[in-house]
Each structure stands twice: as structure tokens, then as C-alpha cells.
């Protein structure tokens, strides 16, 4: 996944740099009708500065893309580490005042660019504890998304039943093995 993105960014950067180099090296049209080719017009310096400015912008954009790529690598581990993810979610729920009654995880699913484990949690809490838990999930260092959320009405006006499905992401080939009945969800 990352190799493809890095390759695409690298190719785009090389094309941009090559285009700029060609523009700087290309001979210009004759000046003042003298018929002498290869002379640059008086605006050549301004054009050169513009090309250098554009090159600097492309390099800045490339650096920002590489930084986002590194952040993605940090947030999406190679191994599924399902037990670690589940423990972190249960710890957050307890800290935020959400009572977990049950949890289940599904086998890893292979996606186009990465893999995911779905974790289903059910429990209950008051409005503020549910909000704190959802906010905590959004701030996890590991990429975790809320795939489904159901909050039900209750006879107790201050406590609401909740069912949430979370997707926890990883990049390794372990997910494909797990889907085919092999090890890999631990």
C-alpha cells in the first residue's frame, strides 16, 4: 500500500522536476526579430525565478506528502495486535464511565490498501460517558474508526444502552492468512 503511494508521489515529483528542468534548458524564440535563435528574451530571469518558485512549491508539497505517509505508517501497524487494541478500548470505556457488557471481534478483513479487525462492543452509560468514550476513540494513536453506532432509549432516563462497531486497522499480510483459517488475530 505505502510503496504504491510513495511510487506515485515519486513519479509525480520526478515528472514535475523534469518539466521544470526542460523549461529552463529549452531555447527561446528569437528576440526583436533579429533571426538569431537561442537568445533568451529579457524576461528570462523572471521566468527562471517563477520556475524556481514552482519547483520549491512542488518540493514543499512532496515533503508534506511524505510526512503524511510517515504519520500513516505510525498509526497503522503491520501486525493486527487485536488483543492490545481490545484492551485499550476496554480501558478507555472504563475510564470514561461506559460499562461494557459484552465484546466480540470478527476475523480480519482484507481491504484494498490495508486490513481491519471489527470489534463489537455493547454496554451502557450516561450521555456524557458515551460522548467521552467516542471522543477518546477518535484520539487513539492507532487508526480506529466507528463503523456503526446504536444508542437506544431506556427506562432509566440517565443510562442508555449502546452498541458500537469499531474498525481497527493494520497493514500486514496476517489478515489474509486469518481469513483463510490460519493464525493471525492476536
N, C-alpha and C. Protein backbone atom coordinates (compact mmCIF):
# COMPACT_ATOMS: atom_id res chain seq x y z
N UNK A 1 0.82 -1.18 0.00
CA UNK A 1 0.00 0.00 0.00
C UNK A 1 0.86 1.25 0.00
N UNK A 2 1.78 1.32 0.97
CA UNK A 2 2.61 2.53 1.09
C UNK A 2 3.58 2.63 -0.09
N UNK A 3 4.06 1.48 -0.56
CA UNK A 3 5.00 1.51 -1.68
C UNK A 3 4.34 2.11 -2.90
N UNK A 4 3.08 1.77 -3.15
CA UNK A 4 2.36 2.31 -4.30
C UNK A 4 2.18 3.81 -4.19
N UNK A 5 1.82 4.29 -2.98
CA UNK A 5 1.63 5.72 -2.78
C UNK A 5 2.95 6.45 -2.92
N UNK A 6 4.01 5.90 -2.32
CA UNK A 6 5.32 6.53 -2.43
C UNK A 6 5.79 6.53 -3.86
N UNK A 7 5.53 5.45 -4.60
CA UNK A 7 5.90 5.39 -6.01
C UNK A 7 5.16 6.47 -6.80
N UNK A 8 3.85 6.62 -6.55
CA UNK A 8 3.06 7.62 -7.27
C UNK A 8 3.56 9.03 -6.96
N UNK A 9 3.86 9.29 -5.69
CA UNK A 9 4.37 10.60 -5.29
C UNK A 9 5.75 10.83 -5.92
N UNK A 10 6.59 9.81 -5.92
CA UNK A 10 7.92 9.92 -6.51
C UNK A 10 7.86 10.17 -8.00
N UNK A 11 7.00 9.45 -8.71
CA UNK A 11 6.86 9.64 -10.16
C UNK A 11 6.36 11.04 -10.44
N UNK A 12 5.34 11.51 -9.69
CA UNK A 12 4.82 12.85 -9.91
C UNK A 12 5.90 13.90 -9.66
N UNK A 13 6.68 13.71 -8.60
CA UNK A 13 7.76 14.65 -8.31
C UNK A 13 8.82 14.67 -9.40
N UNK A 14 9.19 13.48 -9.90
CA UNK A 14 10.18 13.42 -10.98
C UNK A 14 9.66 14.07 -12.25
N UNK A 15 8.39 13.86 -12.59
CA UNK A 15 7.82 14.49 -13.78
C UNK A 15 7.84 16.00 -13.62
N UNK A 16 7.47 16.51 -12.44
CA UNK A 16 7.46 17.95 -12.21
C UNK A 16 8.87 18.52 -12.32
N UNK A 17 9.83 17.85 -11.72
CA UNK A 17 11.23 18.33 -11.77
C UNK A 17 11.76 18.27 -13.20
N UNK A 18 11.45 17.19 -13.91
CA UNK A 18 11.89 17.07 -15.31
C UNK A 18 11.29 18.16 -16.18
N UNK A 19 10.01 18.46 -15.97
CA UNK A 19 9.35 19.52 -16.74
C UNK A 19 10.01 20.86 -16.47
N UNK A 20 10.31 21.13 -15.22
CA UNK A 20 10.96 22.39 -14.88
C UNK A 20 12.36 22.48 -15.47
N UNK A 21 13.10 21.39 -15.42
CA UNK A 21 14.45 21.38 -16.00
C UNK A 21 14.39 21.61 -17.50
N UNK A 22 13.43 21.01 -18.17
CA UNK A 22 13.27 21.19 -19.61
C UNK A 22 12.95 22.64 -19.93
N UNK A 23 12.06 23.25 -19.11
CA UNK A 23 11.67 24.64 -19.34
C UNK A 23 12.88 25.57 -19.18
N UNK A 24 13.75 25.27 -18.24
CA UNK A 24 14.94 26.10 -18.04
C UNK A 24 15.96 25.93 -19.17
N UNK A 25 16.07 24.72 -19.73
CA UNK A 25 17.08 24.43 -20.73
C UNK A 25 16.62 24.72 -22.16
N UNK A 26 15.31 24.83 -22.39
CA UNK A 26 14.79 25.00 -23.75
C UNK A 26 15.18 26.36 -24.31
N UNK A 27 15.65 26.39 -25.55
CA UNK A 27 15.97 27.69 -26.16
C UNK A 27 14.69 28.47 -26.42
N UNK A 28 14.79 29.79 -26.33
CA UNK A 28 13.61 30.62 -26.54
C UNK A 28 13.54 31.10 -27.98
N UNK A 29 12.44 31.75 -28.30
CA UNK A 29 12.22 32.27 -29.65
C UNK A 29 13.16 33.44 -29.89
N UNK A 30 13.39 33.79 -31.16
CA UNK A 30 14.26 34.93 -31.48
C UNK A 30 13.76 36.21 -30.81
N UNK A 31 14.70 37.09 -30.47
CA UNK A 31 14.38 38.34 -29.79
C UNK A 31 14.40 39.46 -30.81
N UNK A 32 13.38 40.31 -30.78
CA UNK A 32 13.36 41.51 -31.61
C UNK A 32 13.46 41.26 -33.10
N UNK A 33 13.09 40.09 -33.56
CA UNK A 33 13.08 39.82 -34.99
C UNK A 33 14.47 39.74 -35.59
N UNK A 34 15.52 39.55 -34.81
CA UNK A 34 16.88 39.52 -35.35
C UNK A 34 17.18 38.24 -36.08
N UNK A 35 16.32 37.23 -35.87
CA UNK A 35 16.54 35.96 -36.54
C UNK A 35 17.57 35.09 -35.86
N UNK A 36 18.17 35.56 -34.79
CA UNK A 36 19.15 34.77 -34.07
C UNK A 36 18.40 33.92 -33.05
N UNK A 37 18.48 32.61 -33.22
CA UNK A 37 17.77 31.75 -32.28
C UNK A 37 18.68 31.42 -31.10
N UNK A 38 18.08 30.95 -30.05
CA UNK A 38 18.84 30.56 -28.87
C UNK A 38 19.05 31.68 -27.89
N UNK A 39 18.75 32.92 -28.27
CA UNK A 39 18.86 34.00 -27.30
C UNK A 39 17.62 34.03 -26.44
N UNK A 40 17.81 34.33 -25.22
CA UNK A 40 16.68 34.41 -24.30
C UNK A 40 16.18 35.85 -24.25
N UNK A 41 14.85 36.00 -24.15
CA UNK A 41 14.32 37.36 -24.04
C UNK A 41 14.71 37.97 -22.70
N UNK A 42 14.47 39.25 -22.57
CA UNK A 42 14.83 39.97 -21.35
C UNK A 42 14.08 39.44 -20.13
N UNK A 43 12.95 38.77 -20.33
CA UNK A 43 12.16 38.27 -19.21
C UNK A 43 12.63 36.89 -18.76
N UNK A 44 13.72 36.39 -19.30
CA UNK A 44 14.21 35.06 -18.95
C UNK A 44 14.47 34.93 -17.46
N UNK A 45 15.03 35.95 -16.83
CA UNK A 45 15.31 35.90 -15.40
C UNK A 45 14.04 35.78 -14.58
N UNK A 46 13.01 36.52 -14.98
CA UNK A 46 11.73 36.44 -14.27
C UNK A 46 11.11 35.06 -14.43
N UNK A 47 11.20 34.51 -15.65
CA UNK A 47 10.65 33.18 -15.88
C UNK A 47 11.42 32.16 -15.06
N UNK A 48 12.74 32.31 -15.01
CA UNK A 48 13.57 31.40 -14.24
C UNK A 48 13.20 31.45 -12.76
N UNK A 49 12.99 32.65 -12.23
CA UNK A 49 12.59 32.79 -10.84
C UNK A 49 11.23 32.12 -10.61
N UNK A 50 10.32 32.27 -11.56
CA UNK A 50 9.00 31.64 -11.45
C UNK A 50 9.10 30.13 -11.44
N UNK A 51 9.98 29.60 -12.29
CA UNK A 51 10.17 28.16 -12.34
C UNK A 51 10.78 27.66 -11.03
N UNK A 52 11.74 28.39 -10.51
CA UNK A 52 12.36 28.01 -9.24
C UNK A 52 11.35 28.08 -8.10
N UNK A 53 10.48 29.07 -8.13
CA UNK A 53 9.43 29.19 -7.11
C UNK A 53 8.49 28.00 -7.22
N UNK A 54 8.11 27.65 -8.46
CA UNK A 54 7.22 26.50 -8.66
C UNK A 54 7.90 25.21 -8.19
N UNK A 55 9.18 25.06 -8.48
CA UNK A 55 9.92 23.89 -8.03
C UNK A 55 9.94 23.82 -6.51
N UNK A 56 10.15 24.93 -5.86
CA UNK A 56 10.16 24.97 -4.39
C UNK A 56 8.79 24.56 -3.83
N UNK A 57 7.72 25.01 -4.49
CA UNK A 57 6.37 24.64 -4.05
C UNK A 57 6.13 23.14 -4.21
N UNK A 58 6.59 22.57 -5.34
CA UNK A 58 6.43 21.13 -5.58
C UNK A 58 7.22 20.34 -4.53
N UNK A 59 8.44 20.78 -4.24
CA UNK A 59 9.25 20.11 -3.23
C UNK A 59 8.61 20.20 -1.85
N UNK A 60 7.99 21.35 -1.53
CA UNK A 60 7.31 21.52 -0.25
C UNK A 60 6.11 20.57 -0.17
N UNK A 61 5.36 20.47 -1.28
CA UNK A 61 4.20 19.57 -1.33
C UNK A 61 4.64 18.12 -1.18
N UNK A 62 5.74 17.75 -1.81
CA UNK A 62 6.28 16.40 -1.71
C UNK A 62 6.68 16.10 -0.26
N UNK A 63 7.33 17.04 0.39
CA UNK A 63 7.73 16.85 1.79
C UNK A 63 6.50 16.68 2.69
N UNK A 64 5.45 17.45 2.44
CA UNK A 64 4.22 17.32 3.24
C UNK A 64 3.58 15.95 3.01
N UNK A 65 3.59 15.47 1.77
CA UNK A 65 3.03 14.15 1.46
C UNK A 65 3.84 13.06 2.14
N UNK A 66 5.15 13.18 2.14
CA UNK A 66 5.99 12.20 2.82
C UNK A 66 5.74 12.20 4.33
N UNK A 67 5.50 13.38 4.90
CA UNK A 67 5.19 13.47 6.34
C UNK A 67 3.86 12.78 6.64
N UNK A 68 2.84 12.97 5.76
CA UNK A 68 1.56 12.29 5.96
C UNK A 68 1.73 10.78 5.84
N UNK A 69 2.57 10.34 4.92
CA UNK A 69 2.84 8.92 4.75
C UNK A 69 3.47 8.34 6.02
N UNK A 70 4.43 9.03 6.61
CA UNK A 70 5.06 8.57 7.85
C UNK A 70 4.04 8.52 8.99
N UNK A 71 3.16 9.52 9.06
CA UNK A 71 2.12 9.53 10.09
C UNK A 71 1.19 8.33 9.92
N UNK A 72 0.84 8.02 8.68
CA UNK A 72 0.01 6.85 8.40
C UNK A 72 0.70 5.56 8.82
N UNK A 73 1.97 5.45 8.56
CA UNK A 73 2.73 4.26 8.98
C UNK A 73 2.76 4.13 10.49
N UNK A 74 2.81 5.27 11.18
CA UNK A 74 2.83 5.25 12.65
C UNK A 74 1.47 4.83 13.19
N UNK A 75 0.39 5.26 12.54
CA UNK A 75 -0.96 4.98 13.05
C UNK A 75 -1.51 3.63 12.62
N UNK A 76 -0.91 3.00 11.62
CA UNK A 76 -1.40 1.71 11.14
C UNK A 76 -0.26 0.70 11.22
N UNK A 77 -0.25 -0.12 12.28
CA UNK A 77 0.86 -1.08 12.45
C UNK A 77 0.79 -2.21 11.42
N UNK A 78 1.88 -2.95 11.30
CA UNK A 78 1.93 -4.08 10.38
C UNK A 78 1.13 -5.26 10.92
N UNK A 79 1.29 -5.55 12.19
CA UNK A 79 0.61 -6.69 12.81
C UNK A 79 -0.76 -6.26 13.36
N UNK A 80 -1.73 -7.17 13.42
CA UNK A 80 -3.07 -6.79 13.89
C UNK A 80 -3.13 -6.39 15.35
N UNK A 81 -2.35 -7.05 16.22
CA UNK A 81 -2.34 -6.75 17.65
C UNK A 81 -3.75 -6.55 18.21
N UNK A 82 -4.61 -7.50 17.91
CA UNK A 82 -6.02 -7.43 18.28
C UNK A 82 -6.22 -7.34 19.80
N UNK A 83 -5.50 -8.18 20.55
CA UNK A 83 -5.65 -8.19 22.00
C UNK A 83 -5.30 -6.83 22.58
N UNK A 84 -4.22 -6.24 22.10
CA UNK A 84 -3.80 -4.92 22.56
C UNK A 84 -4.87 -3.87 22.26
N UNK A 85 -5.43 -3.91 21.05
CA UNK A 85 -6.47 -2.94 20.67
C UNK A 85 -7.71 -3.11 21.54
N UNK A 86 -8.12 -4.34 21.77
CA UNK A 86 -9.30 -4.60 22.59
C UNK A 86 -9.08 -4.15 24.03
N UNK A 87 -7.91 -4.42 24.59
CA UNK A 87 -7.61 -3.98 25.95
C UNK A 87 -7.65 -2.45 26.05
N UNK A 88 -7.13 -1.77 25.03
CA UNK A 88 -7.13 -0.30 25.03
C UNK A 88 -8.56 0.24 24.99
N UNK A 89 -9.43 -0.38 24.18
CA UNK A 89 -10.82 0.07 24.09
C UNK A 89 -11.57 -0.15 25.41
N UNK A 90 -11.35 -1.30 26.04
CA UNK A 90 -11.99 -1.59 27.32
C UNK A 90 -11.48 -0.63 28.41
N UNK A 91 -10.18 -0.33 28.38
CA UNK A 91 -9.60 0.61 29.34
C UNK A 91 -10.20 2.01 29.16
N UNK A 92 -10.34 2.45 27.91
CA UNK A 92 -10.94 3.77 27.64
C UNK A 92 -12.39 3.81 28.14
N UNK A 93 -13.14 2.75 27.84
CA UNK A 93 -14.54 2.70 28.26
C UNK A 93 -14.65 2.81 29.78
N UNK A 94 -13.84 2.07 30.51
CA UNK A 94 -13.87 2.11 31.98
C UNK A 94 -13.49 3.51 32.47
N UNK A 95 -12.45 4.09 31.91
CA UNK A 95 -12.00 5.44 32.32
C UNK A 95 -13.09 6.48 32.06
N UNK A 96 -13.81 6.33 30.92
CA UNK A 96 -14.81 7.32 30.53
C UNK A 96 -16.19 7.05 31.13
N UNK A 97 -16.33 5.99 31.93
CA UNK A 97 -17.59 5.71 32.62
C UNK A 97 -18.59 4.90 31.82
N UNK A 98 -18.15 4.26 30.75
CA UNK A 98 -19.02 3.41 29.94
C UNK A 98 -18.86 1.98 30.43
N UNK A 99 -19.96 1.33 30.78
CA UNK A 99 -19.90 -0.04 31.27
C UNK A 99 -20.03 -1.00 30.08
N UNK A 100 -19.02 -1.83 29.85
CA UNK A 100 -19.02 -2.79 28.75
C UNK A 100 -19.63 -4.09 29.26
N UNK A 101 -20.69 -4.55 28.60
CA UNK A 101 -21.35 -5.80 28.98
C UNK A 101 -20.82 -6.97 28.15
N UNK A 102 -20.44 -6.70 26.90
CA UNK A 102 -20.00 -7.77 26.02
C UNK A 102 -19.12 -7.18 24.93
N UNK A 103 -18.19 -7.98 24.43
CA UNK A 103 -17.40 -7.58 23.27
C UNK A 103 -17.08 -8.81 22.45
N UNK A 104 -16.97 -8.60 21.15
CA UNK A 104 -16.62 -9.67 20.21
C UNK A 104 -15.77 -9.06 19.12
N UNK A 105 -14.93 -9.89 18.54
CA UNK A 105 -14.18 -9.42 17.37
C UNK A 105 -14.42 -10.39 16.23
N UNK A 106 -14.42 -9.84 15.05
CA UNK A 106 -14.61 -10.64 13.85
C UNK A 106 -13.24 -10.95 13.25
N UNK A 107 -13.15 -11.98 12.42
CA UNK A 107 -11.86 -12.25 11.75
C UNK A 107 -11.42 -11.05 10.91
N UNK A 108 -10.13 -10.86 10.75
CA UNK A 108 -9.64 -9.73 9.96
C UNK A 108 -10.19 -9.75 8.54
N UNK A 109 -10.38 -8.56 8.00
CA UNK A 109 -10.91 -8.37 6.66
C UNK A 109 -9.84 -7.68 5.82
N UNK A 110 -9.55 -8.22 4.65
CA UNK A 110 -8.60 -7.57 3.74
C UNK A 110 -9.33 -6.48 2.96
N UNK A 111 -8.78 -5.29 2.96
CA UNK A 111 -9.29 -4.16 2.20
C UNK A 111 -8.30 -3.85 1.09
N UNK A 112 -8.63 -2.89 0.26
CA UNK A 112 -7.78 -2.54 -0.87
C UNK A 112 -6.38 -2.12 -0.43
N UNK A 113 -6.29 -1.24 0.55
CA UNK A 113 -4.99 -0.68 0.93
C UNK A 113 -4.49 -1.15 2.29
N UNK A 114 -5.35 -1.73 3.09
CA UNK A 114 -4.92 -2.23 4.40
C UNK A 114 -5.94 -3.27 4.85
N UNK A 115 -5.81 -3.71 6.07
CA UNK A 115 -6.71 -4.71 6.62
C UNK A 115 -7.33 -4.15 7.89
N UNK A 116 -8.44 -4.75 8.30
CA UNK A 116 -9.09 -4.26 9.51
C UNK A 116 -9.68 -5.41 10.31
N UNK A 117 -9.79 -5.16 11.60
CA UNK A 117 -10.47 -6.07 12.51
C UNK A 117 -11.68 -5.30 13.02
N UNK A 118 -12.85 -5.91 12.97
CA UNK A 118 -14.04 -5.29 13.52
C UNK A 118 -14.24 -5.76 14.95
N UNK A 119 -14.43 -4.83 15.85
CA UNK A 119 -14.67 -5.13 17.26
C UNK A 119 -16.04 -4.56 17.61
N UNK A 120 -16.92 -5.43 18.11
CA UNK A 120 -18.27 -5.04 18.52
C UNK A 120 -18.31 -4.95 20.04
N UNK A 121 -18.70 -3.79 20.55
CA UNK A 121 -18.84 -3.58 21.98
C UNK A 121 -20.30 -3.26 22.29
N UNK A 122 -20.81 -3.81 23.37
CA UNK A 122 -22.14 -3.41 23.84
C UNK A 122 -22.04 -3.12 25.32
N UNK A 123 -22.81 -2.15 25.74
CA UNK A 123 -22.78 -1.76 27.14
C UNK A 123 -23.77 -0.66 27.39
N UNK A 124 -23.49 0.17 28.39
CA UNK A 124 -24.40 1.26 28.72
C UNK A 124 -23.63 2.37 29.42
N UNK A 125 -24.23 3.55 29.37
CA UNK A 125 -23.63 4.68 30.04
C UNK A 125 -24.52 5.90 29.92
N UNK A 126 -24.19 6.92 30.67
CA UNK A 126 -24.96 8.15 30.51
C UNK A 126 -24.44 8.90 29.29
N UNK A 127 -25.14 9.96 28.94
CA UNK A 127 -24.81 10.69 27.72
C UNK A 127 -23.36 11.17 27.71
N UNK A 128 -22.91 11.73 28.81
CA UNK A 128 -21.54 12.27 28.84
C UNK A 128 -20.49 11.17 28.76
N UNK A 129 -20.73 10.01 29.37
CA UNK A 129 -19.74 8.92 29.29
C UNK A 129 -19.66 8.37 27.87
N UNK A 130 -20.79 8.30 27.18
CA UNK A 130 -20.78 7.84 25.77
C UNK A 130 -20.00 8.83 24.92
N UNK A 131 -20.25 10.12 25.11
CA UNK A 131 -19.54 11.15 24.34
C UNK A 131 -18.04 11.12 24.63
N UNK A 132 -17.66 10.97 25.90
CA UNK A 132 -16.23 10.91 26.26
C UNK A 132 -15.56 9.71 25.61
N UNK A 133 -16.24 8.56 25.62
CA UNK A 133 -15.68 7.34 25.01
C UNK A 133 -15.47 7.54 23.51
N UNK A 134 -16.48 8.06 22.82
CA UNK A 134 -16.35 8.28 21.37
C UNK A 134 -15.23 9.27 21.07
N UNK A 135 -15.10 10.30 21.89
CA UNK A 135 -14.01 11.26 21.71
C UNK A 135 -12.66 10.58 21.94
N UNK A 136 -12.57 9.73 22.96
CA UNK A 136 -11.32 9.02 23.24
C UNK A 136 -10.93 8.10 22.08
N UNK A 137 -11.91 7.43 21.50
CA UNK A 137 -11.64 6.56 20.34
C UNK A 137 -11.08 7.39 19.19
N UNK A 138 -11.63 8.57 18.96
CA UNK A 138 -11.15 9.41 17.86
C UNK A 138 -9.73 9.91 18.08
N UNK A 139 -9.27 9.90 19.32
CA UNK A 139 -7.92 10.40 19.64
C UNK A 139 -6.89 9.29 19.81
N UNK A 140 -7.28 8.05 19.58
CA UNK A 140 -6.32 6.95 19.72
C UNK A 140 -5.16 7.13 18.75
N UNK A 141 -3.94 6.78 19.17
CA UNK A 141 -2.81 6.87 18.25
C UNK A 141 -2.95 5.89 17.08
N UNK A 142 -3.56 4.76 17.32
CA UNK A 142 -3.77 3.77 16.27
C UNK A 142 -5.06 4.13 15.52
N UNK A 143 -5.03 4.03 14.20
CA UNK A 143 -6.20 4.37 13.41
C UNK A 143 -7.34 3.42 13.74
N UNK A 144 -8.41 3.98 14.28
CA UNK A 144 -9.61 3.25 14.67
C UNK A 144 -10.80 4.09 14.26
N UNK A 145 -11.73 3.49 13.52
CA UNK A 145 -12.91 4.23 13.08
C UNK A 145 -14.18 3.59 13.64
N UNK A 146 -15.21 4.39 13.75
CA UNK A 146 -16.52 3.90 14.20
C UNK A 146 -17.29 3.51 12.95
N UNK A 147 -17.57 2.22 12.83
CA UNK A 147 -18.28 1.70 11.67
C UNK A 147 -19.79 1.74 11.87
N UNK A 148 -20.26 1.50 13.09
CA UNK A 148 -21.69 1.52 13.40
C UNK A 148 -21.87 1.94 14.85
N UNK A 149 -22.94 2.65 15.10
CA UNK A 149 -23.23 3.12 16.46
C UNK A 149 -24.74 3.11 16.65
N UNK A 150 -25.17 2.49 17.73
CA UNK A 150 -26.59 2.45 18.06
C UNK A 150 -26.76 2.79 19.54
N UNK A 151 -27.51 3.83 19.80
CA UNK A 151 -27.83 4.22 21.17
C UNK A 151 -29.34 4.11 21.30
N UNK A 152 -29.78 3.37 22.29
CA UNK A 152 -31.21 3.10 22.45
C UNK A 152 -31.80 3.88 23.61
N UNK A 153 -33.10 4.04 23.55
CA UNK A 153 -33.83 4.64 24.67
C UNK A 153 -33.87 3.61 25.81
N UNK A 154 -34.03 4.10 27.00
CA UNK A 154 -34.02 3.22 28.16
C UNK A 154 -35.11 3.64 29.14
N UNK A 155 -35.49 2.71 30.01
CA UNK A 155 -36.45 3.05 31.06
C UNK A 155 -35.82 3.97 32.09
N UNK A 156 -34.51 3.81 32.29
CA UNK A 156 -33.76 4.71 33.17
C UNK A 156 -33.30 5.89 32.31
N UNK A 157 -33.82 7.05 32.57
CA UNK A 157 -33.57 8.22 31.72
C UNK A 157 -32.11 8.65 31.67
N UNK A 158 -31.31 8.22 32.62
CA UNK A 158 -29.92 8.69 32.64
C UNK A 158 -28.92 7.69 32.07
N UNK A 159 -29.35 6.44 31.80
CA UNK A 159 -28.44 5.42 31.28
C UNK A 159 -28.99 4.89 29.96
N UNK A 160 -28.13 4.86 28.95
CA UNK A 160 -28.55 4.44 27.61
C UNK A 160 -27.76 3.20 27.18
N UNK A 161 -28.45 2.18 26.65
CA UNK A 161 -27.74 1.04 26.06
C UNK A 161 -27.03 1.50 24.77
N UNK A 162 -25.85 0.99 24.56
CA UNK A 162 -25.07 1.37 23.38
C UNK A 162 -24.48 0.11 22.74
N UNK A 163 -24.47 0.10 21.43
CA UNK A 163 -23.78 -0.94 20.66
C UNK A 163 -22.93 -0.21 19.64
N UNK A 164 -21.65 -0.51 19.61
CA UNK A 164 -20.74 0.18 18.70
C UNK A 164 -19.84 -0.86 18.02
N UNK A 165 -19.63 -0.66 16.72
CA UNK A 165 -18.69 -1.49 15.97
C UNK A 165 -17.54 -0.60 15.55
N UNK A 166 -16.34 -1.01 15.93
CA UNK A 166 -15.14 -0.24 15.64
C UNK A 166 -14.26 -1.03 14.68
N UNK A 167 -13.63 -0.34 13.74
CA UNK A 167 -12.66 -0.96 12.84
C UNK A 167 -11.27 -0.53 13.28
N UNK A 168 -10.40 -1.50 13.54
CA UNK A 168 -9.03 -1.26 13.94
C UNK A 168 -8.16 -1.74 12.78
N UNK A 169 -7.29 -0.87 12.29
CA UNK A 169 -6.56 -1.13 11.05
C UNK A 169 -5.13 -1.62 11.27
N UNK A 170 -4.65 -2.42 10.30
CA UNK A 170 -3.25 -2.85 10.24
C UNK A 170 -2.92 -3.14 8.79
N UNK A 171 -1.63 -3.27 8.46
CA UNK A 171 -1.23 -3.42 7.06
C UNK A 171 -0.72 -4.79 6.67
N UNK A 172 -0.32 -5.61 7.63
CA UNK A 172 0.37 -6.86 7.33
C UNK A 172 -0.44 -7.91 6.61
N UNK A 173 0.25 -8.88 6.04
CA UNK A 173 -0.41 -9.96 5.31
C UNK A 173 -1.10 -10.96 6.23
N UNK A 174 -0.98 -10.78 7.54
CA UNK A 174 -1.59 -11.70 8.50
C UNK A 174 -3.09 -11.79 8.32
N UNK A 175 -3.73 -10.70 7.89
CA UNK A 175 -5.19 -10.69 7.73
C UNK A 175 -5.63 -11.71 6.70
N UNK A 176 -4.90 -11.83 5.60
CA UNK A 176 -5.28 -12.77 4.57
C UNK A 176 -5.17 -14.19 5.10
N UNK A 177 -4.11 -14.48 5.87
CA UNK A 177 -3.96 -15.80 6.48
C UNK A 177 -5.11 -16.09 7.43
N UNK A 178 -5.50 -15.09 8.23
CA UNK A 178 -6.57 -15.28 9.20
C UNK A 178 -7.90 -15.56 8.49
N UNK A 179 -8.15 -14.88 7.38
CA UNK A 179 -9.39 -15.10 6.65
C UNK A 179 -9.43 -16.52 6.08
N UNK A 180 -8.29 -17.05 5.76
CA UNK A 180 -8.20 -18.39 5.19
C UNK A 180 -8.04 -19.46 6.24
N UNK A 181 -8.29 -19.12 7.49
CA UNK A 181 -8.27 -20.12 8.56
C UNK A 181 -6.95 -20.26 9.27
N UNK A 182 -5.95 -19.44 8.93
CA UNK A 182 -4.65 -19.54 9.58
C UNK A 182 -4.58 -18.63 10.79
N UNK A 183 -3.41 -18.60 11.42
CA UNK A 183 -3.25 -17.74 12.61
C UNK A 183 -3.21 -16.28 12.20
N UNK A 184 -3.40 -15.40 13.16
CA UNK A 184 -3.21 -14.01 12.84
C UNK A 184 -4.14 -13.05 13.52
N UNK A 185 -4.97 -13.46 14.43
CA UNK A 185 -5.80 -12.46 15.10
C UNK A 185 -5.46 -12.36 16.58
N UNK A 186 -4.19 -12.10 16.83
CA UNK A 186 -3.82 -11.97 18.23
C UNK A 186 -2.83 -10.96 18.43
